[in-house]
Amino acid sequence: MKRVQMYPCHSFESHVVLASIDPETCKVTVRKYVCGHDCGVMISPDVVHGMTYGGIAHGLGAALMEKFAFSTEGQLLSGTFMDYLLPTSAEVPAITIVDHCTPSPLTEFGQKGSGEAGYLGSPAAIASAVNDALSTQGAHIDHLPMTPQAIWTALSEARSVKASNTVN
């Protein structure tokens, strides 16, 4: 029985994020963002880069600010852009995309999927950078979005644990 390996048709990516957290406001600032991306032969590089930039911006929102909030009765509380925050050009950092081309042997021109590349790795990379910054204070967050309130709560809990361990 012949089998086809599907990996030659999927794109690959790697995200590297440098982030800092303001100790007063608990606001995250993404200082540097690099995405290495291999989607095989790019038929239209501008379109691929545009989709990657947009996906990263969407992932930044998912990681740091976007949340569907509901009341205990099930009423949507974040039904407007006043309540449901989206990243603007002020929050999206300069993004460096490093292209790599490993042509797919299974497609006509060697292309692979590329539209999902920015979004799939972005929230995880940003969350990892935030947790790396929080780790210096013994704190971590295991849910999204990592809002300033969530960061403040994690830092407060870490301080409480540290204080109780010092007393004992």
C-alpha atoms as a PDB file:
ATOM      1  CA  MET A   1       0.000   0.000   0.000  1.00  0.00           C
ATOM      2  CA  LYS A   2       1.437   3.404  -0.985  1.00  0.00           C
ATOM      3  CA  ARG A   3       1.279   6.232   1.503  1.00  0.00           C
ATOM      4  CA  VAL A   4       1.672   9.917   0.856  1.00  0.00           C
ATOM      5  CA  GLN A   5       3.449  11.979   3.483  1.00  0.00           C
ATOM      6  CA  MET A   6       1.436  15.135   3.925  1.00  0.00           C
ATOM      7  CA  TYR A   7       4.145  17.249   5.548  1.00  0.00           C
ATOM      8  CA  PRO A   8       5.504  18.457   2.195  1.00  0.00           C
ATOM      9  CA  CYS A   9       2.248  20.417   1.699  1.00  0.00           C
ATOM     10  CA  HIS A  10       2.126  22.158   5.083  1.00  0.00           C
ATOM     11  CA  SER A  11       3.943  25.375   5.829  1.00  0.00           C
ATOM     12  CA  PHE A  12       6.306  25.629   8.769  1.00  0.00           C
ATOM     13  CA  GLU A  13       7.002  28.602  10.970  1.00  0.00           C
ATOM     14  CA  SER A  14       8.924  29.695  13.995  1.00  0.00           C
ATOM     15  CA  HIS A  15       8.110  32.784  16.050  1.00  0.00           C
ATOM     16  CA  VAL A  16      10.587  34.585  18.298  1.00  0.00           C
ATOM     17  CA  VAL A  17       9.247  37.333  20.548  1.00  0.00           C
ATOM     18  CA  LEU A  18      10.972  39.764  22.904  1.00  0.00           C
ATOM     19  CA  ALA A  19       8.475  41.358  25.280  1.00  0.00           C
ATOM     20  CA  SER A  20       8.621  43.483  28.400  1.00  0.00           C
ATOM     21  CA  ILE A  21       6.066  44.224  31.107  1.00  0.00           C
ATOM     22  CA  ASP A  22       5.727  47.669  32.661  1.00  0.00           C
ATOM     23  CA  PRO A  23       5.970  47.090  36.442  1.00  0.00           C
ATOM     24  CA  GLU A  24       3.546  49.951  37.188  1.00  0.00           C
ATOM     25  CA  THR A  25       0.773  49.306  34.661  1.00  0.00           C
ATOM     26  CA  CYS A  26       1.375  45.588  33.885  1.00  0.00           C
ATOM     27  CA  LYS A  27       1.077  46.463  30.182  1.00  0.00           C
ATOM     28  CA  VAL A  28       2.948  44.184  27.783  1.00  0.00           C
ATOM     29  CA  THR A  29       5.076  45.758  25.074  1.00  0.00           C
ATOM     30  CA  VAL A  30       6.322  43.546  22.265  1.00  0.00           C
ATOM     31  CA  ARG A  31       9.831  44.886  21.583  1.00  0.00           C
ATOM     32  CA  LYS A  32      10.862  42.593  18.749  1.00  0.00           C
ATOM     33  CA  TYR A  33       9.005  40.050  16.640  1.00  0.00           C
ATOM     34  CA  VAL A  34      10.610  37.692  14.136  1.00  0.00           C
ATOM     35  CA  CYS A  35       8.760  35.001  12.195  1.00  0.00           C
ATOM     36  CA  GLY A  36      10.650  32.424  10.162  1.00  0.00           C
ATOM     37  CA  HIS A  37       8.304  31.043   7.527  1.00  0.00           C
ATOM     38  CA  ASP A  38       8.568  28.248   4.968  1.00  0.00           C
ATOM     39  CA  CYS A  39       5.567  27.950   2.677  1.00  0.00           C
ATOM     40  CA  GLY A  40       7.431  26.525  -0.268  1.00  0.00           C
ATOM     41  CA  VAL A  41       7.377  28.587  -3.433  1.00  0.00           C
ATOM     42  CA  MET A  42       5.585  31.901  -2.856  1.00  0.00           C
ATOM     43  CA  ILE A  43       3.480  32.647  -5.909  1.00  0.00           C
ATOM     44  CA  SER A  44       2.733  36.153  -4.585  1.00  0.00           C
ATOM     45  CA  PRO A  45       5.180  37.152  -1.823  1.00  0.00           C
ATOM     46  CA  ASP A  46       3.328  40.393  -1.002  1.00  0.00           C
ATOM     47  CA  VAL A  47       0.083  38.486  -0.414  1.00  0.00           C
ATOM     48  CA  VAL A  48       1.843  35.833   1.707  1.00  0.00           C
ATOM     49  CA  HIS A  49       3.580  38.497   3.805  1.00  0.00           C
ATOM     50  CA  GLY A  50       0.314  40.415   4.186  1.00  0.00           C
ATOM     51  CA  MET A  51      -1.473  37.302   5.449  1.00  0.00           C
ATOM     52  CA  THR A  52       1.414  36.586   7.819  1.00  0.00           C
ATOM     53  CA  TYR A  53       1.445  40.150   9.200  1.00  0.00           C
ATOM     54  CA  GLY A  54      -2.330  40.071   9.644  1.00  0.00           C
ATOM     55  CA  GLY A  55      -2.213  36.678  11.340  1.00  0.00           C
ATOM     56  CA  ILE A  56       0.446  37.872  13.770  1.00  0.00           C
ATOM     57  CA  ALA A  57      -1.611  40.979  14.586  1.00  0.00           C
ATOM     58  CA  HIS A  58      -4.668  38.755  15.144  1.00  0.00           C
ATOM     59  CA  GLY A  59      -2.591  36.459  17.386  1.00  0.00           C
ATOM     60  CA  LEU A  60      -1.361  39.452  19.385  1.00  0.00           C
ATOM     61  CA  GLY A  61      -4.972  40.403  20.039  1.00  0.00           C
ATOM     62  CA  ALA A  62      -5.867  36.844  21.054  1.00  0.00           C
ATOM     63  CA  ALA A  63      -2.883  36.647  23.395  1.00  0.00           C
ATOM     64  CA  LEU A  64      -3.175  40.034  25.089  1.00  0.00           C
ATOM     65  CA  MET A  65      -6.610  41.591  24.771  1.00  0.00           C
ATOM     66  CA  GLU A  66      -9.468  39.864  22.921  1.00  0.00           C
ATOM     67  CA  LYS A  67     -12.022  38.165  25.150  1.00  0.00           C
ATOM     68  CA  PHE A  68     -15.626  37.149  24.705  1.00  0.00           C
ATOM     69  CA  ALA A  69     -17.126  38.006  28.092  1.00  0.00           C
ATOM     70  CA  PHE A  70     -20.521  36.747  29.262  1.00  0.00           C
ATOM     71  CA  SER A  71     -22.625  37.456  32.345  1.00  0.00           C
ATOM     72  CA  THR A  72     -23.679  34.607  34.636  1.00  0.00           C
ATOM     73  CA  GLU A  73     -27.027  34.673  32.791  1.00  0.00           C
ATOM     74  CA  GLY A  74     -25.269  34.143  29.447  1.00  0.00           C
ATOM     75  CA  GLN A  75     -25.592  37.732  28.184  1.00  0.00           C
ATOM     76  CA  LEU A  76     -22.731  38.826  25.918  1.00  0.00           C
ATOM     77  CA  LEU A  77     -20.840  41.610  27.677  1.00  0.00           C
ATOM     78  CA  SER A  78     -18.278  42.348  24.976  1.00  0.00           C
ATOM     79  CA  GLY A  79     -20.520  42.981  21.981  1.00  0.00           C
ATOM     80  CA  THR A  80     -18.963  46.282  20.898  1.00  0.00           C
ATOM     81  CA  PHE A  81     -15.446  47.482  20.209  1.00  0.00           C
ATOM     82  CA  MET A  82     -15.694  49.510  23.423  1.00  0.00           C
ATOM     83  CA  ASP A  83     -15.720  46.206  25.321  1.00  0.00           C
ATOM     84  CA  TYR A  84     -13.942  43.842  22.927  1.00  0.00           C
ATOM     85  CA  LEU A  85     -10.450  45.176  22.380  1.00  0.00           C
ATOM     86  CA  LEU A  86      -8.577  44.693  19.112  1.00  0.00           C
ATOM     87  CA  PRO A  87      -4.949  45.569  18.467  1.00  0.00           C
ATOM     88  CA  THR A  88      -4.336  48.757  16.530  1.00  0.00           C
ATOM     89  CA  SER A  89      -1.221  49.850  14.687  1.00  0.00           C
ATOM     90  CA  ALA A  90       0.006  51.265  18.015  1.00  0.00           C
ATOM     91  CA  GLU A  91       0.096  47.777  19.603  1.00  0.00           C
ATOM     92  CA  VAL A  92       1.435  45.779  16.655  1.00  0.00           C
ATOM     93  CA  PRO A  93       5.224  45.934  16.589  1.00  0.00           C
ATOM     94  CA  ALA A  94       7.483  45.980  13.574  1.00  0.00           C
ATOM     95  CA  ILE A  95       7.585  42.386  12.340  1.00  0.00           C
ATOM     96  CA  THR A  96      10.526  40.753  10.622  1.00  0.00           C
ATOM     97  CA  ILE A  97       9.649  37.838   8.357  1.00  0.00           C
ATOM     98  CA  VAL A  98      12.442  35.498   7.366  1.00  0.00           C
ATOM     99  CA  ASP A  99      11.466  33.556   4.258  1.00  0.00           C
ATOM    100  CA  HIS A 100      12.686  30.048   3.601  1.00  0.00           C
ATOM    101  CA  CYS A 101      11.682  27.983   0.606  1.00  0.00           C
ATOM    102  CA  THR A 102      11.471  24.203   0.646  1.00  0.00           C
ATOM    103  CA  PRO A 103       9.359  23.411  -2.425  1.00  0.00           C
ATOM    104  CA  SER A 104       6.654  20.812  -2.036  1.00  0.00           C
ATOM    105  CA  PRO A 105       7.111  17.860  -4.365  1.00  0.00           C
ATOM    106  CA  LEU A 106       3.337  17.284  -4.317  1.00  0.00           C
ATOM    107  CA  THR A 107       2.078  20.556  -5.807  1.00  0.00           C
ATOM    108  CA  GLU A 108       2.363  21.996  -9.303  1.00  0.00           C
ATOM    109  CA  PHE A 109       4.653  24.921  -8.486  1.00  0.00           C
ATOM    110  CA  GLY A 110       6.078  23.742  -5.144  1.00  0.00           C
ATOM    111  CA  GLN A 111       3.734  25.883  -3.070  1.00  0.00           C
ATOM    112  CA  LYS A 112       2.393  24.953   0.375  1.00  0.00           C
ATOM    113  CA  GLY A 113      -0.309  26.391   2.611  1.00  0.00           C
ATOM    114  CA  SER A 114       0.539  29.846   3.927  1.00  0.00           C
ATOM    115  CA  GLY A 115      -2.538  31.760   5.108  1.00  0.00           C
ATOM    116  CA  GLU A 116      -2.548  30.343   8.622  1.00  0.00           C
ATOM    117  CA  ALA A 117       1.157  30.853   9.317  1.00  0.00           C
ATOM    118  CA  GLY A 118       0.976  34.140  11.204  1.00  0.00           C
ATOM    119  CA  TYR A 119      -1.892  33.218  13.488  1.00  0.00           C
ATOM    120  CA  LEU A 120      -1.020  29.674  14.524  1.00  0.00           C
ATOM    121  CA  GLY A 121       2.248  30.391  16.321  1.00  0.00           C
ATOM    122  CA  SER A 122       1.670  33.977  17.359  1.00  0.00           C
ATOM    123  CA  PRO A 123      -0.463  33.594  20.534  1.00  0.00           C
ATOM    124  CA  ALA A 124       1.776  30.821  21.899  1.00  0.00           C
ATOM    125  CA  ALA A 125       4.973  32.758  21.175  1.00  0.00           C
ATOM    126  CA  ILE A 126       3.615  35.920  22.803  1.00  0.00           C
ATOM    127  CA  ALA A 127       2.307  33.981  25.823  1.00  0.00           C
ATOM    128  CA  SER A 128       5.699  32.303  26.206  1.00  0.00           C
ATOM    129  CA  ALA A 129       7.467  35.682  26.086  1.00  0.00           C
ATOM    130  CA  VAL A 130       5.097  37.098  28.724  1.00  0.00           C
ATOM    131  CA  ASN A 131       5.585  34.071  30.976  1.00  0.00           C
ATOM    132  CA  ASP A 132       9.343  34.354  30.507  1.00  0.00           C
ATOM    133  CA  ALA A 133       9.159  37.967  31.713  1.00  0.00           C
ATOM    134  CA  LEU A 134       6.905  36.972  34.631  1.00  0.00           C
ATOM    135  CA  SER A 135       9.170  34.098  35.665  1.00  0.00           C
ATOM    136  CA  THR A 136      11.700  36.546  37.148  1.00  0.00           C
ATOM    137  CA  GLN A 137       9.023  37.337  39.752  1.00  0.00           C
ATOM    138  CA  GLY A 138       7.941  33.720  40.269  1.00  0.00           C
ATOM    139  CA  ALA A 139       4.660  34.313  38.418  1.00  0.00           C
ATOM    140  CA  HIS A 140       2.971  32.709  35.414  1.00  0.00           C
ATOM    141  CA  ILE A 141      -0.332  32.781  33.543  1.00  0.00           C
ATOM    142  CA  ASP A 142      -1.913  29.726  31.938  1.00  0.00           C
ATOM    143  CA  HIS A 143      -4.834  31.343  30.109  1.00  0.00           C
ATOM    144  CA  LEU A 144      -5.499  33.946  27.448  1.00  0.00           C
ATOM    145  CA  PRO A 145      -5.853  36.839  27.147  1.00  0.00           C
ATOM    146  CA  MET A 146      -2.924  37.995  29.243  1.00  0.00           C
ATOM    147  CA  THR A 147      -4.439  41.369  30.081  1.00  0.00           C
ATOM    148  CA  PRO A 148      -2.820  43.865  32.458  1.00  0.00           C
ATOM    149  CA  GLN A 149      -5.376  42.749  35.076  1.00  0.00           C
ATOM    150  CA  ALA A 150      -4.402  39.081  34.627  1.00  0.00           C
ATOM    151  CA  ILE A 151      -0.709  39.990  34.892  1.00  0.00           C
ATOM    152  CA  TRP A 152      -1.339  42.080  38.012  1.00  0.00           C
ATOM    153  CA  THR A 153      -3.250  39.167  39.569  1.00  0.00           C
ATOM    154  CA  ALA A 154      -0.458  36.688  38.744  1.00  0.00           C
ATOM    155  CA  LEU A 155       2.192  39.008  40.210  1.00  0.00           C
ATOM    156  CA  SER A 156       0.091  39.596  43.349  1.00  0.00           C
ATOM    157  CA  GLU A 157      -0.399  35.853  43.835  1.00  0.00           C
ATOM    158  CA  ALA A 158       3.324  35.240  43.395  1.00  0.00           C
ATOM    159  CA  ARG A 159       4.125  37.934  45.987  1.00  0.00           C
ATOM    160  CA  SER A 160       1.609  36.369  48.417  1.00  0.00           C
ATOM    161  CA  VAL A 161       3.159  32.922  48.005  1.00  0.00           C
ATOM    162  CA  LYS A 162       6.644  34.355  48.453  1.00  0.00           C
ATOM    163  CA  ALA A 163       5.541  36.271  51.585  1.00  0.00           C
ATOM    164  CA  SER A 164       3.864  33.212  53.126  1.00  0.00           C
ATOM    165  CA  ASN A 165       6.960  31.098  52.434  1.00  0.00           C
ATOM    166  CA  THR A 166       9.148  33.741  54.064  1.00  0.00           C
ATOM    167  CA  VAL A 167       6.967  33.802  57.206  1.00  0.00           C
ATOM    168  CA  ASN A 168       6.978  30.010  57.558  1.00  0.00           C
END
